[in-house]
Every structure is written in structure tokens, then in C-alpha cells.
C-alpha atoms as a PDB file:
ATOM      1  CA  MET A   1    -132.953 -37.281 114.209  1.00  0.00           C
ATOM      2  CA  CYS A   2    -130.306 -35.559 111.841  1.00  0.00           C
ATOM      3  CA  GLN A   3    -129.231 -32.177 112.639  1.00  0.00           C
ATOM      4  CA  CYS A   4    -128.126 -29.864 109.774  1.00  0.00           C
ATOM      5  CA  ASP A   5    -125.960 -26.667 109.904  1.00  0.00           C
ATOM      6  CA  SER A   6    -127.892 -23.631 109.216  1.00  0.00           C
ATOM      7  CA  VAL A   7    -124.926 -21.654 107.808  1.00  0.00           C
ATOM      8  CA  PRO A   8    -125.482 -20.253 104.422  1.00  0.00           C
ATOM      9  CA  LYS A   9    -123.476 -22.048 101.496  1.00  0.00           C
ATOM     10  CA  ALA A  10    -121.772 -18.619 100.227  1.00  0.00           C
ATOM     11  CA  SER A  11    -120.243 -18.617 103.864  1.00  0.00           C
ATOM     12  CA  ARG A  12    -118.683 -21.984 103.233  1.00  0.00           C
ATOM     13  CA  THR A  13    -116.702 -20.680 100.190  1.00  0.00           C
ATOM     14  CA  PRO A  14    -113.015 -20.182 101.153  1.00  0.00           C
ATOM     15  CA  GLY A  15    -112.441 -16.899 100.099  1.00  0.00           C
ATOM     16  CA  SER A  16    -113.725 -14.425  97.413  1.00  0.00           C
ATOM     17  CA  VAL A  17    -112.874 -13.859  94.026  1.00  0.00           C
ATOM     18  CA  ALA A  18    -110.691 -10.676  95.025  1.00  0.00           C
ATOM     19  CA  GLU A  19    -108.767 -13.138  97.376  1.00  0.00           C
ATOM     20  CA  ALA A  20    -108.218 -15.850  94.757  1.00  0.00           C
ATOM     21  CA  GLY A  21    -106.870 -13.118  92.381  1.00  0.00           C
ATOM     22  CA  LYS A  22    -104.429 -11.859  95.184  1.00  0.00           C
ATOM     23  CA  LEU A  23    -103.363 -15.329  96.050  1.00  0.00           C
ATOM     24  CA  PHE A  24    -102.594 -15.896  92.469  1.00  0.00           C
ATOM     25  CA  LEU A  25    -100.725 -12.921  91.839  1.00  0.00           C
ATOM     26  CA  LYS A  26     -98.712 -13.649  94.725  1.00  0.00           C
ATOM     27  CA  HIS A  27     -97.688 -17.077  93.711  1.00  0.00           C
ATOM     28  CA  THR A  28     -97.337 -16.366  89.834  1.00  0.00           C
ATOM     29  CA  THR A  29     -94.396 -16.767  87.882  1.00  0.00           C
ATOM     30  CA  PHE A  30     -95.577 -14.319  85.368  1.00  0.00           C
ATOM     31  CA  HIS A  31     -92.747 -11.958  85.534  1.00  0.00           C
ATOM     32  CA  GLY A  32     -93.588  -8.265  86.579  1.00  0.00           C
ATOM     33  CA  LEU A  33     -97.466  -9.011  86.757  1.00  0.00           C
ATOM     34  CA  ARG A  34     -97.391  -9.306  90.674  1.00  0.00           C
ATOM     35  CA  HIS A  35     -95.547  -5.971  90.960  1.00  0.00           C
ATOM     36  CA  VAL A  36     -98.488  -4.170  89.215  1.00  0.00           C
ATOM     37  CA  PHE A  37    -101.102  -5.460  91.090  1.00  0.00           C
ATOM     38  CA  LEU A  38     -99.973  -5.881  94.545  1.00  0.00           C
ATOM     39  CA  SER A  39     -99.378  -3.332  97.138  1.00  0.00           C
ATOM     40  CA  GLY A  40     -96.498  -0.695  96.487  1.00  0.00           C
ATOM     41  CA  SER A  41     -95.847   2.702  95.546  1.00  0.00           C
ATOM     42  CA  TYR A  42     -97.827   3.890  92.558  1.00  0.00           C
ATOM     43  CA  PRO A  43     -94.512   5.296  90.574  1.00  0.00           C
ATOM     44  CA  ARG A  44     -93.197   1.965  90.967  1.00  0.00           C
ATOM     45  CA  ARG A  45     -96.305  -0.016  89.930  1.00  0.00           C
ATOM     46  CA  LEU A  46     -96.650   2.333  87.054  1.00  0.00           C
ATOM     47  CA  ALA A  47     -93.158   1.812  85.972  1.00  0.00           C
ATOM     48  CA  TRP A  48     -93.537  -2.067  86.154  1.00  0.00           C
ATOM     49  CA  LEU A  49     -96.914  -1.491  84.044  1.00  0.00           C
ATOM     50  CA  LEU A  50     -94.973   0.246  81.214  1.00  0.00           C
ATOM     51  CA  ALA A  51     -92.696  -2.651  81.407  1.00  0.00           C
ATOM     52  CA  PHE A  52     -94.972  -5.285  81.439  1.00  0.00           C
ATOM     53  CA  LEU A  53     -96.769  -3.613  78.676  1.00  0.00           C
ATOM     54  CA  THR A  54     -93.714  -3.169  76.497  1.00  0.00           C
ATOM     55  CA  ALA A  55     -92.641  -6.644  76.956  1.00  0.00           C
ATOM     56  CA  LEU A  56     -96.065  -8.150  75.930  1.00  0.00           C
ATOM     57  CA  ALA A  57     -96.222  -5.622  72.769  1.00  0.00           C
ATOM     58  CA  LEU A  58     -92.543  -7.005  71.808  1.00  0.00           C
ATOM     59  CA  LEU A  59     -93.914 -10.616  72.427  1.00  0.00           C
ATOM     60  CA  PHE A  60     -97.293 -10.145  70.133  1.00  0.00           C
ATOM     61  CA  THR A  61     -95.023  -8.624  67.407  1.00  0.00           C
ATOM     62  CA  TRP A  62     -92.484 -11.252  67.203  1.00  0.00           C
ATOM     63  CA  SER A  63     -95.270 -13.788  67.455  1.00  0.00           C
ATOM     64  CA  SER A  64     -97.251 -12.583  64.455  1.00  0.00           C
ATOM     65  CA  ASN A  65     -94.216 -12.156  62.465  1.00  0.00           C
ATOM     66  CA  ARG A  66     -93.166 -15.990  62.754  1.00  0.00           C
ATOM     67  CA  VAL A  67     -97.151 -16.660  62.182  1.00  0.00           C
ATOM     68  CA  ARG A  68     -97.168 -15.093  59.047  1.00  0.00           C
ATOM     69  CA  TYR A  69     -93.698 -16.842  58.211  1.00  0.00           C
ATOM     70  CA  LEU A  70     -95.386 -20.146  59.015  1.00  0.00           C
ATOM     71  CA  LEU A  71     -98.362 -19.199  57.133  1.00  0.00           C
ATOM     72  CA  SER A  72     -95.994 -18.362  53.827  1.00  0.00           C
ATOM     73  CA  SER A  73     -94.997 -22.165  53.583  1.00  0.00           C
ATOM     74  CA  PRO A  74     -91.334 -21.858  53.481  1.00  0.00           C
ATOM     75  CA  VAL A  75     -89.458 -24.179  51.745  1.00  0.00           C
ATOM     76  CA  HIS A  76     -85.827 -24.839  52.438  1.00  0.00           C
ATOM     77  CA  THR A  77     -83.825 -26.897  49.673  1.00  0.00           C
ATOM     78  CA  LYS A  78     -80.432 -28.172  50.458  1.00  0.00           C
ATOM     79  CA  ALA A  79     -78.573 -29.310  47.261  1.00  0.00           C
ATOM     80  CA  HIS A  80     -75.499 -31.661  47.579  1.00  0.00           C
ATOM     81  CA  MET A  81     -73.675 -31.792  44.193  1.00  0.00           C
ATOM     82  CA  VAL A  82     -72.285 -35.111  42.963  1.00  0.00           C
ATOM     83  CA  TYR A  83     -69.917 -35.266  40.272  1.00  0.00           C
ATOM     84  CA  ALA A  84     -70.542 -38.249  38.125  1.00  0.00           C
ATOM     85  CA  LYS A  85     -67.092 -39.769  36.811  1.00  0.00           C
ATOM     86  CA  ARG A  86     -68.983 -41.278  33.981  1.00  0.00           C
ATOM     87  CA  LEU A  87     -71.988 -40.146  32.055  1.00  0.00           C
ATOM     88  CA  VAL A  88     -74.364 -42.079  29.754  1.00  0.00           C
ATOM     89  CA  PHE A  89     -74.669 -40.759  26.288  1.00  0.00           C
ATOM     90  CA  PRO A  90     -77.718 -38.257  26.499  1.00  0.00           C
ATOM     91  CA  ALA A  91     -80.811 -38.961  24.466  1.00  0.00           C
ATOM     92  CA  VAL A  92     -81.508 -36.184  21.954  1.00  0.00           C
ATOM     93  CA  THR A  93     -85.149 -35.467  20.828  1.00  0.00           C
ATOM     94  CA  ILE A  94     -85.557 -33.661  17.378  1.00  0.00           C
ATOM     95  CA  CYS A  95     -89.375 -32.598  16.701  1.00  0.00           C
ATOM     96  CA  ASN A  96     -90.080 -31.673  13.019  1.00  0.00           C
ATOM     97  CA  GLN A  97     -93.608 -31.354  11.357  1.00  0.00           C
ATOM     98  CA  ASN A  98     -91.867 -32.091   8.062  1.00  0.00           C
ATOM     99  CA  LEU A  99     -91.685 -35.791   8.440  1.00  0.00           C
ATOM    100  CA  LEU A 100     -90.750 -36.379   4.883  1.00  0.00           C
ATOM    101  CA  LEU A 101     -88.854 -34.299   2.487  1.00  0.00           C
ATOM    102  CA  PRO A 102     -90.776 -33.657  -0.414  1.00  0.00           C
ATOM    103  CA  ARG A 103     -88.108 -33.224  -2.910  1.00  0.00           C
ATOM    104  CA  ARG A 104     -86.612 -36.819  -2.618  1.00  0.00           C
ATOM    105  CA  MET A 105     -90.098 -38.234  -3.217  1.00  0.00           C
ATOM    106  CA  LYS A 106     -90.417 -40.078  -6.545  1.00  0.00           C
ATOM    107  CA  LYS A 107     -93.971 -40.797  -8.324  1.00  0.00           C
ATOM    108  CA  PRO A 108     -94.589 -44.163  -6.260  1.00  0.00           C
ATOM    109  CA  ASP A 109     -93.841 -42.293  -3.233  1.00  0.00           C
ATOM    110  CA  ILE A 110     -96.206 -39.420  -3.815  1.00  0.00           C
ATOM    111  CA  PHE A 111     -99.056 -41.876  -4.935  1.00  0.00           C
ATOM    112  CA  SER A 112     -98.371 -43.629  -1.430  1.00  0.00           C
ATOM    113  CA  ALA A 113     -98.319 -40.770   0.798  1.00  0.00           C
ATOM    114  CA  GLY A 114     -99.923 -38.302  -1.315  1.00  0.00           C
ATOM    115  CA  ARG A 115    -103.195 -38.022   0.422  1.00  0.00           C
ATOM    116  CA  TRP A 116    -101.586 -38.788   3.800  1.00  0.00           C
ATOM    117  CA  LEU A 117     -99.374 -35.710   3.443  1.00  0.00           C
ATOM    118  CA  GLY A 118    -102.111 -33.477   1.888  1.00  0.00           C
ATOM    119  CA  LEU A 119    -100.393 -33.384  -1.327  1.00  0.00           C
ATOM    120  CA  LEU A 120    -102.988 -35.076  -3.500  1.00  0.00           C
ATOM    121  CA  GLY A 121    -106.897 -34.405  -3.670  1.00  0.00           C
ATOM    122  CA  ARG A 122    -109.663 -37.265  -4.661  1.00  0.00           C
ATOM    123  CA  ASN A 123    -108.746 -36.777  -8.271  1.00  0.00           C
ATOM    124  CA  TRP A 124    -105.206 -37.449  -7.636  1.00  0.00           C
ATOM    125  CA  GLN A 125    -104.583 -33.744  -8.594  1.00  0.00           C
ATOM    126  CA  VAL A 126    -101.701 -31.930  -7.107  1.00  0.00           C
ATOM    127  CA  SER A 127    -102.561 -28.621  -5.133  1.00  0.00           C
ATOM    128  CA  PRO A 128    -100.665 -25.355  -6.172  1.00  0.00           C
ATOM    129  CA  SER A 129     -99.335 -25.217  -2.466  1.00  0.00           C
ATOM    130  CA  ALA A 130     -97.784 -28.678  -2.970  1.00  0.00           C
ATOM    131  CA  ARG A 131     -96.203 -27.850  -6.330  1.00  0.00           C
ATOM    132  CA  ASP A 132     -94.192 -25.076  -4.446  1.00  0.00           C
ATOM    133  CA  ALA A 133     -93.292 -27.492  -1.958  1.00  0.00           C
ATOM    134  CA  LEU A 134     -92.049 -30.128  -4.575  1.00  0.00           C
ATOM    135  CA  THR A 135     -90.213 -27.619  -6.804  1.00  0.00           C
ATOM    136  CA  PRO A 136     -86.386 -26.932  -5.980  1.00  0.00           C
ATOM    137  CA  GLY A 137     -85.309 -23.568  -6.196  1.00  0.00           C
ATOM    138  CA  THR A 138     -85.289 -21.667  -9.248  1.00  0.00           C
ATOM    139  CA  ASP A 139     -82.151 -20.649 -10.947  1.00  0.00           C
ATOM    140  CA  HIS A 140     -81.725 -17.658 -13.625  1.00  0.00           C
ATOM    141  CA  ASP A 141     -82.745 -19.898 -16.439  1.00  0.00           C
ATOM    142  CA  ILE A 142     -85.823 -21.247 -15.113  1.00  0.00           C
ATOM    143  CA  SER A 143     -87.134 -17.529 -13.695  1.00  0.00           C
ATOM    144  CA  SER A 144     -86.074 -16.065 -17.167  1.00  0.00           C
ATOM    145  CA  SER A 145     -88.333 -18.443 -19.153  1.00  0.00           C
ATOM    146  CA  ASN A 146     -92.168 -18.054 -19.230  1.00  0.00           C
ATOM    147  CA  GLU A 147     -92.453 -21.870 -18.063  1.00  0.00           C
ATOM    148  CA  PRO A 148     -93.849 -22.245 -14.727  1.00  0.00           C
ATOM    149  CA  PRO A 149     -91.385 -23.166 -12.045  1.00  0.00           C
ATOM    150  CA  TRP A 150     -93.033 -26.671 -11.448  1.00  0.00           C
ATOM    151  CA  SER A 151     -93.004 -27.885 -15.055  1.00  0.00           C
ATOM    152  CA  PRO A 152     -89.994 -29.978 -14.932  1.00  0.00           C
ATOM    153  CA  LEU A 153     -91.862 -31.667 -12.607  1.00  0.00           C
ATOM    154  CA  SER A 154     -94.888 -32.308 -14.539  1.00  0.00           C
ATOM    155  CA  ARG A 155     -94.329 -35.879 -15.335  1.00  0.00           C
ATOM    156  CA  ILE A 156     -93.779 -36.930 -11.732  1.00  0.00           C
ATOM    157  CA  LEU A 157     -97.169 -35.029 -10.684  1.00  0.00           C
ATOM    158  CA  ASP A 158     -98.916 -36.483 -13.574  1.00  0.00           C
ATOM    159  CA  PHE A 159    -101.019 -39.713 -12.703  1.00  0.00           C
ATOM    160  CA  ASN A 160    -103.107 -40.043 -15.658  1.00  0.00           C
ATOM    161  CA  HIS A 161    -101.375 -42.925 -17.239  1.00  0.00           C
ATOM    162  CA  PHE A 162     -99.876 -44.156 -13.749  1.00  0.00           C
ATOM    163  CA  LEU A 163    -100.209 -47.691 -12.904  1.00  0.00           C
ATOM    164  CA  PRO A 164     -99.769 -48.097  -9.170  1.00  0.00           C
ATOM    165  CA  PRO A 165     -97.711 -50.985  -7.983  1.00  0.00           C
ATOM    166  CA  PRO A 166     -99.621 -53.588  -5.891  1.00  0.00           C
ATOM    167  CA  LEU A 167    -100.440 -53.089  -2.624  1.00  0.00           C
ATOM    168  CA  GLU A 168     -98.256 -55.332  -1.070  1.00  0.00           C
ATOM    169  CA  SER A 169     -95.154 -53.911  -2.838  1.00  0.00           C
ATOM    170  CA  GLN A 170     -95.973 -50.544  -1.583  1.00  0.00           C
ATOM    171  CA  PRO A 171     -93.725 -48.967   0.991  1.00  0.00           C
ATOM    172  CA  SER A 172     -94.970 -48.883   4.583  1.00  0.00           C
ATOM    173  CA  MET A 173     -95.130 -45.510   6.419  1.00  0.00           C
ATOM    174  CA  GLN A 174     -92.450 -46.425   8.249  1.00  0.00           C
ATOM    175  CA  GLN A 175     -90.100 -47.168   5.426  1.00  0.00           C
ATOM    176  CA  LEU A 176     -90.873 -43.638   3.866  1.00  0.00           C
ATOM    177  CA  LEU A 177     -90.037 -42.065   6.955  1.00  0.00           C
ATOM    178  CA  ASP A 178     -86.844 -44.033   7.313  1.00  0.00           C
ATOM    179  CA  ARG A 179     -85.754 -43.282   3.563  1.00  0.00           C
ATOM    180  CA  LEU A 180     -87.407 -39.717   3.006  1.00  0.00           C
ATOM    181  CA  GLY A 181     -86.935 -38.212   6.363  1.00  0.00           C
ATOM    182  CA  HIS A 182     -84.282 -36.060   7.829  1.00  0.00           C
ATOM    183  CA  GLN A 183     -81.267 -37.753   8.130  1.00  0.00           C
ATOM    184  CA  MET A 184     -78.615 -37.375  11.354  1.00  0.00           C
ATOM    185  CA  GLU A 185     -75.916 -36.700   8.899  1.00  0.00           C
ATOM    186  CA  GLU A 186     -77.346 -33.959   7.376  1.00  0.00           C
ATOM    187  CA  MET A 187     -78.371 -32.183  10.781  1.00  0.00           C
ATOM    188  CA  LEU A 188     -75.368 -33.120  13.305  1.00  0.00           C
ATOM    189  CA  LEU A 189     -72.729 -30.293  12.692  1.00  0.00           C
ATOM    190  CA  TYR A 190     -70.367 -31.069  15.697  1.00  0.00           C
ATOM    191  CA  CYS A 191     -70.194 -33.759  18.538  1.00  0.00           C
ATOM    192  CA  ARG A 192     -67.806 -34.247  21.367  1.00  0.00           C
ATOM    193  CA  PHE A 193     -68.843 -36.398  24.352  1.00  0.00           C
ATOM    194  CA  GLN A 194     -66.314 -36.587  27.337  1.00  0.00           C
ATOM    195  CA  GLY A 195     -63.615 -35.543  25.430  1.00  0.00           C
ATOM    196  CA  GLU A 196     -64.007 -37.673  22.380  1.00  0.00           C
ATOM    197  CA  LEU A 197     -65.651 -37.273  18.764  1.00  0.00           C
ATOM    198  CA  CYS A 198     -68.859 -38.421  17.989  1.00  0.00           C
ATOM    199  CA  GLY A 199     -71.084 -38.751  15.069  1.00  0.00           C
ATOM    200  CA  PRO A 200     -74.343 -39.941  13.493  1.00  0.00           C
ATOM    201  CA  ARG A 201     -73.021 -43.394  14.096  1.00  0.00           C
ATOM    202  CA  ASN A 202     -73.384 -42.928  17.759  1.00  0.00           C
ATOM    203  CA  PHE A 203     -77.018 -41.954  17.358  1.00  0.00           C
ATOM    204  CA  SER A 204     -79.774 -44.273  17.174  1.00  0.00           C
ATOM    205  CA  THR A 205     -83.469 -43.503  15.609  1.00  0.00           C
ATOM    206  CA  VAL A 206     -86.264 -44.407  17.792  1.00  0.00           C
ATOM    207  CA  SER A 207     -89.625 -44.051  15.895  1.00  0.00           C
ATOM    208  CA  LEU A 208     -92.895 -43.949  17.388  1.00  0.00           C
ATOM    209  CA  TRP A 209     -94.974 -43.888  14.301  1.00  0.00           C
ATOM    210  CA  THR A 210     -97.717 -46.405  14.290  1.00  0.00           C
ATOM    211  CA  ALA A 211     -99.828 -46.725  11.209  1.00  0.00           C
ATOM    212  CA  THR A 212    -102.238 -49.443   9.614  1.00  0.00           C
ATOM    213  CA  ARG A 213    -102.791 -49.724   5.856  1.00  0.00           C
ATOM    214  CA  SER A 214    -106.414 -50.573   4.969  1.00  0.00           C
END
């Protein structure tokens, strides 16, 4: 026959919550905490409480500052400058919406690229804005006369009796750009690289123009 103890379960618990708290405060390494709650004079415990709260406030203040700094995603850039003894000749990119110079264009050129450039209409008629673009600067003799400024170009702009060249002999858009486009000799004023003079001969034109003729 089995005999069981009739001692209540609560009485078998080794100590109460208060005793566990005192035991924790007695052996804790949290500086100053045991001096606040354990036995001692009230002025001494009050001084330790003020010191503990001050240290705790400083800890939270510094920690919140570091947390805000971490949330700001700081970036540290360390640059190490290396001077190259020899540099590669730089690439120069010139963007110009005026692909062709209209004043250099002849009648076959205008006929070939007129519609592409927006100079000619459906009936091969030149618009007034295109006439102004194809007209050189007016001098005193032309401005004093009653003739319109584009009258010297009337033969070039007239396609009534013009016989267009065969399709295979008409210049391609790449040829027109190479011949009638802006040349480096006209744009480059002065060039010096690594102490030596350079000129248009040092530049190579790379065209990204691709066109198909239908």
C-alpha cells in the first residue's frame, strides 16, 4: 500500500517571490541596484536611487542617439587617388540636332533628303521656313532691292524641270552626313593633350546613324 505525504504543494516551493527577488538583488552584478533595495539607511538608498536613475537616463539617451544614427543609413566613403602616368585619349560626344548644313546642299541633295529633313512637301514645294534656312546672310545690296532674299536660290529650289538621278546613284544618308554635316575642322579651336598639340586628325567620327532606303 502506497503512502503519500499530505503536505500542500505550495509549502514545498523553495521560498517565495520576495525571497527570490532579494536573492537576485544580493547576487546581481547590476551596479547600484542592490544598494537601492537592500537594507541600509534611507538617505544612502535615496542617493543610490538618484545615481541609478541618472545613469539609466544617460544610457537610454546615448542609445537612442546611436539608434537614430544607425537608422539614417550612414555611408563612409574612402577615396584613394591614383595618378596615372599615361592617359587614354578621351572620347568626345557632340550632340547637334542640325545633322546637315542646308547652305551646302545642292539640288540633288535637297531632292534626296528634302522630305527626310522636312524641307519639301508632297508636291516638292519648299516651305517658307526652309527658304529662310537655305538662304545665306543678306548683305546691303540684297536688302536694298525689292527681290526676296531667297531669289538667288530659286533655281536650286525649283524642281519643275528637274530630272532626279537614278535610285542607285543617289547618295545614302550616311554619305550625306559625312559630306554635309558639321566637320571637326570647323568646330575644334584648340587642343592640347599631355603637353602635345592635337588637331582634327586625332579625332575619328563614329556615326550611329542607320537608315534603309525603300
